[in-house]
N, C-alpha and C. Protein backbone atom coordinates (compact mmCIF):
# COMPACT_ATOMS: atom_id res chain seq x y z
N MET A 1 15.39 6.56 2.72
CA MET A 1 14.32 7.40 2.22
C MET A 1 14.11 8.56 3.19
N ASN A 2 14.06 8.27 4.50
CA ASN A 2 13.85 9.34 5.47
C ASN A 2 14.96 10.39 5.41
N LYS A 3 16.20 9.92 5.24
CA LYS A 3 17.33 10.85 5.15
C LYS A 3 17.16 11.76 3.93
N TRP A 4 16.79 11.18 2.79
CA TRP A 4 16.59 11.98 1.58
C TRP A 4 15.47 12.99 1.78
N LEU A 5 14.36 12.57 2.37
CA LEU A 5 13.25 13.49 2.62
C LEU A 5 13.67 14.63 3.54
N GLU A 6 14.43 14.31 4.58
CA GLU A 6 14.89 15.35 5.50
C GLU A 6 15.82 16.33 4.79
N GLU A 7 16.71 15.80 3.93
CA GLU A 7 17.61 16.68 3.19
C GLU A 7 16.83 17.59 2.24
N LYS A 8 15.81 17.05 1.62
CA LYS A 8 15.05 17.80 0.62
C LYS A 8 14.05 18.77 1.25
N TYR A 9 13.37 18.33 2.33
CA TYR A 9 12.27 19.12 2.90
C TYR A 9 12.48 19.56 4.34
N GLY A 10 13.56 19.13 4.98
CA GLY A 10 13.77 19.46 6.37
C GLY A 10 13.23 18.35 7.26
N SER A 11 13.40 18.51 8.55
CA SER A 11 13.02 17.44 9.47
C SER A 11 11.68 17.69 10.16
N ASN A 12 10.91 18.68 9.70
CA ASN A 12 9.62 18.96 10.29
C ASN A 12 8.62 17.88 9.85
N GLU A 13 8.29 16.99 10.78
CA GLU A 13 7.42 15.84 10.47
C GLU A 13 6.06 16.28 9.94
N TYR A 14 5.50 17.33 10.52
CA TYR A 14 4.18 17.79 10.09
C TYR A 14 4.20 18.37 8.68
N GLU A 15 5.28 19.05 8.34
CA GLU A 15 5.42 19.59 7.00
C GLU A 15 5.54 18.46 5.98
N LEU A 16 6.31 17.42 6.31
CA LEU A 16 6.45 16.28 5.41
C LEU A 16 5.11 15.59 5.19
N GLU A 17 4.35 15.39 6.26
CA GLU A 17 3.06 14.72 6.13
C GLU A 17 2.09 15.52 5.27
N SER A 18 2.22 16.85 5.31
CA SER A 18 1.32 17.65 4.48
C SER A 18 1.70 17.58 3.00
N LEU A 19 2.96 17.26 2.71
CA LEU A 19 3.40 17.15 1.31
C LEU A 19 2.97 15.84 0.67
N LEU A 20 2.92 14.79 1.44
CA LEU A 20 2.64 13.46 0.91
C LEU A 20 1.59 12.75 1.74
N ASP A 21 0.80 11.92 1.10
CA ASP A 21 -0.01 10.97 1.84
C ASP A 21 0.90 9.77 2.05
N THR A 22 1.63 9.78 3.15
CA THR A 22 2.71 8.82 3.35
C THR A 22 2.23 7.38 3.40
N ARG A 23 1.01 7.14 3.73
CA ARG A 23 0.54 5.75 3.79
C ARG A 23 0.44 5.15 2.41
N LYS A 24 0.11 5.96 1.42
CA LYS A 24 -0.08 5.44 0.07
C LYS A 24 1.11 5.72 -0.84
N ASP A 25 1.75 6.87 -0.69
CA ASP A 25 2.76 7.29 -1.65
C ASP A 25 4.17 6.79 -1.32
N VAL A 26 4.59 6.94 -0.09
CA VAL A 26 5.95 6.58 0.29
C VAL A 26 5.90 5.83 1.61
N SER A 27 5.67 4.54 1.53
CA SER A 27 5.65 3.74 2.75
C SER A 27 5.64 2.27 2.40
N GLU A 28 5.71 1.45 3.42
CA GLU A 28 5.64 0.01 3.22
C GLU A 28 4.24 -0.43 2.78
N TYR A 29 3.27 0.49 2.84
CA TYR A 29 1.90 0.16 2.43
C TYR A 29 1.64 0.45 0.95
N ALA A 30 2.54 1.15 0.29
CA ALA A 30 2.33 1.57 -1.10
C ALA A 30 2.06 0.40 -2.05
N PRO A 31 2.79 -0.72 -1.98
CA PRO A 31 2.49 -1.81 -2.92
C PRO A 31 1.06 -2.33 -2.80
N GLY A 32 0.53 -2.39 -1.61
CA GLY A 32 -0.85 -2.85 -1.43
C GLY A 32 -1.83 -1.93 -2.13
N PHE A 33 -1.64 -0.62 -2.02
CA PHE A 33 -2.53 0.33 -2.68
C PHE A 33 -2.34 0.29 -4.20
N GLU A 34 -1.10 0.08 -4.65
CA GLU A 34 -0.85 -0.02 -6.08
C GLU A 34 -1.60 -1.23 -6.67
N ILE A 35 -1.55 -2.34 -5.97
CA ILE A 35 -2.28 -3.54 -6.41
C ILE A 35 -3.77 -3.28 -6.37
N TYR A 36 -4.25 -2.74 -5.27
CA TYR A 36 -5.68 -2.48 -5.11
C TYR A 36 -6.23 -1.63 -6.25
N GLU A 37 -5.52 -0.57 -6.58
CA GLU A 37 -5.98 0.36 -7.61
C GLU A 37 -5.89 -0.23 -9.02
N ALA A 38 -5.03 -1.24 -9.22
CA ALA A 38 -4.87 -1.84 -10.54
C ALA A 38 -5.94 -2.89 -10.84
N LEU A 39 -6.67 -3.33 -9.82
CA LEU A 39 -7.64 -4.41 -9.98
C LEU A 39 -9.06 -3.88 -10.08
N SER A 40 -9.88 -4.64 -10.77
CA SER A 40 -11.31 -4.31 -10.85
C SER A 40 -11.99 -4.68 -9.54
N ASP A 41 -13.20 -4.19 -9.34
CA ASP A 41 -13.96 -4.55 -8.14
C ASP A 41 -14.15 -6.06 -8.04
N GLU A 42 -14.41 -6.70 -9.17
CA GLU A 42 -14.62 -8.15 -9.20
C GLU A 42 -13.33 -8.89 -8.78
N GLU A 43 -12.19 -8.44 -9.30
CA GLU A 43 -10.91 -9.06 -8.94
C GLU A 43 -10.61 -8.85 -7.46
N ARG A 44 -10.86 -7.65 -6.96
CA ARG A 44 -10.64 -7.37 -5.53
C ARG A 44 -11.48 -8.31 -4.67
N GLN A 45 -12.73 -8.46 -5.05
CA GLN A 45 -13.62 -9.30 -4.27
C GLN A 45 -13.17 -10.75 -4.30
N SER A 46 -12.78 -11.25 -5.45
CA SER A 46 -12.38 -12.66 -5.55
C SER A 46 -11.10 -12.94 -4.77
N LEU A 47 -10.22 -11.94 -4.63
CA LEU A 47 -8.98 -12.11 -3.88
C LEU A 47 -9.11 -11.71 -2.41
N GLY A 48 -10.22 -11.11 -2.06
CA GLY A 48 -10.41 -10.67 -0.68
C GLY A 48 -9.62 -9.43 -0.33
N LEU A 49 -9.43 -8.52 -1.28
CA LEU A 49 -8.75 -7.26 -1.00
C LEU A 49 -9.74 -6.24 -0.48
N ARG A 50 -9.34 -5.54 0.57
CA ARG A 50 -10.18 -4.46 1.10
C ARG A 50 -9.31 -3.44 1.80
N ILE A 51 -9.76 -2.21 1.78
CA ILE A 51 -9.07 -1.14 2.50
C ILE A 51 -9.65 -1.07 3.89
N ALA A 52 -8.77 -0.95 4.87
CA ALA A 52 -9.21 -0.88 6.26
C ALA A 52 -8.33 0.12 7.00
N TYR A 53 -8.82 0.53 8.13
CA TYR A 53 -8.04 1.40 9.01
C TYR A 53 -7.50 0.57 10.15
N THR A 54 -6.26 0.81 10.50
CA THR A 54 -5.64 0.12 11.61
C THR A 54 -4.87 1.14 12.44
N GLY A 55 -4.44 0.75 13.59
CA GLY A 55 -3.70 1.66 14.44
C GLY A 55 -4.15 1.55 15.87
N HIS A 56 -4.18 2.68 16.55
CA HIS A 56 -4.58 2.74 17.96
C HIS A 56 -5.36 4.02 18.17
N PRO A 57 -5.90 4.25 19.36
CA PRO A 57 -6.78 5.41 19.56
C PRO A 57 -6.18 6.77 19.18
N ALA A 58 -4.89 6.94 19.31
CA ALA A 58 -4.28 8.24 19.02
C ALA A 58 -3.93 8.41 17.55
N SER A 59 -3.90 7.32 16.81
CA SER A 59 -3.47 7.42 15.42
C SER A 59 -4.02 6.23 14.64
N SER A 60 -4.37 6.47 13.40
CA SER A 60 -4.79 5.36 12.53
C SER A 60 -4.31 5.63 11.12
N TRP A 61 -4.24 4.60 10.33
CA TRP A 61 -3.81 4.74 8.96
C TRP A 61 -4.49 3.67 8.11
N GLN A 62 -4.54 3.92 6.80
CA GLN A 62 -5.17 2.98 5.89
C GLN A 62 -4.17 1.91 5.47
N VAL A 63 -4.67 0.70 5.34
CA VAL A 63 -3.89 -0.41 4.82
C VAL A 63 -4.77 -1.22 3.89
N VAL A 64 -4.16 -2.07 3.09
CA VAL A 64 -4.91 -2.99 2.24
C VAL A 64 -4.75 -4.38 2.82
N PHE A 65 -5.88 -5.01 3.16
CA PHE A 65 -5.88 -6.38 3.65
C PHE A 65 -6.13 -7.31 2.48
N ILE A 66 -5.39 -8.41 2.43
CA ILE A 66 -5.53 -9.41 1.39
C ILE A 66 -5.79 -10.74 2.07
N SER A 67 -6.90 -11.39 1.71
CA SER A 67 -7.21 -12.66 2.39
C SER A 67 -7.00 -13.89 1.52
N CYS A 68 -6.46 -13.73 0.32
CA CYS A 68 -6.17 -14.90 -0.52
C CYS A 68 -4.75 -15.38 -0.22
N ASN A 69 -4.38 -16.52 -0.79
CA ASN A 69 -3.00 -16.97 -0.60
C ASN A 69 -2.09 -16.31 -1.64
N ALA A 70 -0.80 -16.37 -1.40
CA ALA A 70 0.17 -15.68 -2.27
C ALA A 70 0.14 -16.20 -3.70
N ASP A 71 -0.09 -17.49 -3.89
CA ASP A 71 -0.13 -18.05 -5.25
C ASP A 71 -1.28 -17.45 -6.05
N GLN A 72 -2.45 -17.30 -5.44
CA GLN A 72 -3.59 -16.70 -6.13
C GLN A 72 -3.30 -15.25 -6.51
N LEU A 73 -2.73 -14.52 -5.58
CA LEU A 73 -2.40 -13.12 -5.84
C LEU A 73 -1.35 -13.00 -6.93
N ASN A 74 -0.32 -13.83 -6.88
CA ASN A 74 0.74 -13.78 -7.89
C ASN A 74 0.22 -14.11 -9.28
N GLN A 75 -0.73 -15.02 -9.38
CA GLN A 75 -1.31 -15.34 -10.68
C GLN A 75 -1.95 -14.10 -11.30
N VAL A 76 -2.72 -13.37 -10.50
CA VAL A 76 -3.37 -12.15 -11.00
C VAL A 76 -2.32 -11.09 -11.32
N LEU A 77 -1.30 -10.95 -10.49
CA LEU A 77 -0.25 -9.97 -10.75
C LEU A 77 0.49 -10.27 -12.04
N ARG A 78 0.75 -11.55 -12.32
CA ARG A 78 1.40 -11.91 -13.59
C ARG A 78 0.50 -11.55 -14.78
N GLU A 79 -0.79 -11.82 -14.64
CA GLU A 79 -1.73 -11.49 -15.72
C GLU A 79 -1.75 -9.98 -15.98
N LYS A 80 -1.58 -9.19 -14.94
CA LYS A 80 -1.57 -7.72 -15.06
C LYS A 80 -0.20 -7.18 -15.43
N LYS A 81 0.77 -8.10 -15.57
CA LYS A 81 2.17 -7.72 -15.89
C LYS A 81 2.75 -6.77 -14.83
N SER A 82 2.41 -7.05 -13.59
CA SER A 82 2.90 -6.25 -12.46
C SER A 82 4.33 -6.67 -12.12
N PRO A 83 5.18 -5.73 -11.73
CA PRO A 83 6.54 -6.09 -11.29
C PRO A 83 6.57 -6.65 -9.86
N LEU A 84 5.43 -6.63 -9.17
CA LEU A 84 5.37 -7.09 -7.79
C LEU A 84 5.17 -8.60 -7.74
N LEU A 85 5.72 -9.23 -6.72
CA LEU A 85 5.60 -10.66 -6.51
C LEU A 85 5.61 -10.93 -5.01
N PHE A 86 4.75 -11.81 -4.55
CA PHE A 86 4.69 -12.14 -3.14
C PHE A 86 5.18 -13.56 -2.90
N ALA A 87 5.99 -13.74 -1.88
CA ALA A 87 6.52 -15.06 -1.53
C ALA A 87 5.49 -15.83 -0.71
N SER A 88 5.40 -17.12 -0.99
CA SER A 88 4.44 -17.95 -0.24
C SER A 88 5.16 -18.80 0.78
């Protein structure tokens, strides 16, 4: 993915970050945000999904924390006909 982005937009990291919200759009965090946005507030609460900031003093980014077990999450994902699946 990084190689493709560099070929398409160049290797200027700051320019790439301005084009995309990399935490949500193109990253290992994207599936969490996709799940979060597909669920109702009630479903999020019952599964323990929440958006949080993580990182260190010089940098932080948003992530989705999930406090339920994988089986509970997978049941809801199947009901939503999501292509995502989590291993337990």
